Amino acid sequence: QVQLVESGGGLVQAGGSLRLSCAASGSIFTINAMGWYRQAPGKQRELVAMVYSGGSTNYADSVKGRFAISRDGAKNTVYLQMNSLKPEDTAVYYCRLLGGLLGSFWGQGTQVTVSS
């Protein structure tokens, strides 16, 4: 089994920054990708950013230029640096791990609230 533990959420004013972390542990044999999704009240969960095993990244258009994803392979940890935060970034942020044959795993979520 794989466990994902997220940290770094909180309350910040618009224009501020936060850094999310997600550490994976357990029976990890292959990590094809790790990243972040978010879900705002009344909305569907959406991709924020992913980093793949080869180093490539993928971002939602709404966060390009403001958010940066990175990964520490030795620690099985992924980070999301969020700058220039906007009220519309308010959501629960979920870490996701794509483990090949093991399938997909989700963290428990961490709340990010941006006040105007």
Protein backbone atom coordinates (compact mmCIF):
# COMPACT_ATOMS: atom_id res chain seq x y z
CA GLN A 1 0.00 0.00 0.00
CA VAL A 2 1.08 3.59 -0.65
CA GLN A 3 0.51 6.51 1.69
CA LEU A 4 0.64 10.17 0.71
CA VAL A 5 0.99 12.81 3.41
CA GLU A 6 0.41 16.42 2.44
CA SER A 7 1.40 19.55 4.31
CA GLY A 8 1.72 23.28 3.80
CA GLY A 9 -1.83 24.44 3.30
CA GLY A 10 -3.31 27.39 5.14
CA LEU A 11 -4.76 30.87 4.95
CA VAL A 12 -2.99 33.56 2.96
CA GLN A 13 -3.88 36.96 1.56
CA ALA A 14 -4.21 37.50 -2.16
CA GLY A 15 -0.80 38.00 -3.72
CA GLY A 16 0.87 35.82 -1.12
CA SER A 17 2.65 32.51 -1.41
CA LEU A 18 2.39 28.99 -0.03
CA ARG A 19 4.41 25.84 -0.54
CA LEU A 20 2.72 22.45 -0.46
CA SER A 21 4.59 19.22 0.16
CA CYS A 22 3.52 15.62 -0.41
CA ALA A 23 5.61 12.71 0.83
CA ALA A 24 4.97 9.19 -0.43
CA SER A 25 5.76 6.09 1.58
CA GLY A 26 4.95 2.40 1.57
CA SER A 27 5.22 -0.18 -1.21
CA ILE A 28 6.48 2.13 -3.91
CA PHE A 29 8.03 0.30 -6.85
CA THR A 30 7.39 2.67 -9.70
CA ILE A 31 6.42 6.33 -9.76
CA ASN A 32 5.35 7.43 -13.21
CA ALA A 33 4.19 10.82 -12.02
CA MET A 34 3.30 12.85 -8.93
CA GLY A 35 1.34 16.01 -8.73
CA TRP A 36 -1.53 18.07 -7.45
CA TYR A 37 -5.21 18.40 -8.09
CA ARG A 38 -7.67 20.75 -6.41
CA GLN A 39 -11.36 20.87 -5.70
CA ALA A 40 -13.27 24.01 -4.84
CA PRO A 41 -16.73 23.86 -3.25
CA GLY A 42 -19.36 22.89 -5.81
CA LYS A 43 -16.77 22.20 -8.50
CA GLN A 44 -15.12 19.12 -9.95
CA ARG A 45 -11.62 18.11 -9.00
CA GLU A 46 -9.16 19.53 -11.52
CA LEU A 47 -5.53 19.09 -12.40
CA VAL A 48 -3.19 21.77 -11.08
CA ALA A 49 0.24 20.40 -11.96
CA MET A 50 2.02 17.11 -12.55
CA VAL A 51 5.69 16.13 -12.80
CA TYR A 52 6.59 12.96 -14.67
CA SER A 53 9.40 10.50 -14.11
CA GLY A 54 11.37 11.90 -17.03
CA GLY A 55 11.18 15.39 -15.57
CA SER A 56 8.52 16.88 -17.80
CA THR A 57 5.74 18.91 -16.23
CA ASN A 58 2.16 19.80 -16.99
CA TYR A 59 0.24 22.78 -15.60
CA ALA A 60 -3.32 24.00 -15.71
CA ASP A 61 -3.54 27.18 -17.76
CA SER A 62 -4.92 29.05 -14.76
CA VAL A 63 -1.72 28.54 -12.74
CA LYS A 64 0.98 28.81 -15.42
CA GLY A 65 3.56 31.39 -14.49
CA ARG A 66 2.45 31.46 -10.85
CA PHE A 67 2.87 27.88 -9.61
CA ALA A 68 5.93 25.65 -9.88
CA ILE A 69 6.05 21.91 -9.26
CA SER A 70 9.20 20.04 -8.32
CA ARG A 71 10.12 16.60 -7.09
CA ASP A 72 12.80 15.11 -4.85
CA GLY A 73 13.15 11.56 -6.14
CA ALA A 74 15.33 10.44 -3.25
CA LYS A 75 12.62 11.43 -0.78
CA ASN A 76 9.62 10.48 -2.95
CA THR A 77 8.33 13.97 -2.28
CA VAL A 78 6.66 16.46 -4.57
CA TYR A 79 6.37 20.18 -3.91
CA LEU A 80 4.08 22.88 -5.23
CA GLN A 81 5.32 26.45 -4.88
CA MET A 82 2.32 28.75 -5.24
CA ASN A 83 2.98 32.44 -5.82
CA SER A 84 0.71 35.39 -6.59
CA LEU A 85 -2.21 33.52 -5.08
CA LYS A 86 -5.72 34.60 -5.99
CA PRO A 87 -9.04 34.05 -4.19
CA GLU A 88 -10.03 31.68 -6.99
CA ASP A 89 -7.14 29.41 -5.98
CA THR A 90 -9.07 28.60 -2.80
CA ALA A 91 -9.69 24.86 -2.72
CA VAL A 92 -8.72 21.59 -1.13
CA TYR A 93 -5.48 20.50 -2.77
CA TYR A 94 -4.91 16.77 -3.24
CA CYS A 95 -1.65 15.01 -3.96
CA ARG A 96 -1.74 12.24 -6.55
CA LEU A 97 0.75 9.50 -7.38
CA LEU A 98 0.63 7.46 -10.58
CA GLY A 99 2.33 4.17 -9.83
CA GLY A 100 2.13 2.24 -13.09
CA LEU A 101 0.73 -1.23 -12.46
CA LEU A 102 -0.02 -0.27 -8.85
CA GLY A 103 -2.50 2.28 -10.08
CA SER A 104 -3.28 5.73 -8.72
CA PHE A 105 -3.15 6.99 -5.14
CA TRP A 106 -4.51 10.12 -3.48
CA GLY A 107 -3.61 12.06 -0.40
CA GLN A 108 -6.16 13.20 2.16
CA GLY A 109 -6.13 16.79 0.96
CA THR A 110 -4.97 20.08 2.43
CA GLN A 111 -7.02 23.27 2.53
CA VAL A 112 -5.73 26.41 0.83
CA THR A 113 -7.71 29.57 1.47
CA VAL A 114 -6.84 32.86 -0.22
CA SER A 115 -8.53 35.95 1.18
CA SER A 116 -9.15 39.05 -0.91
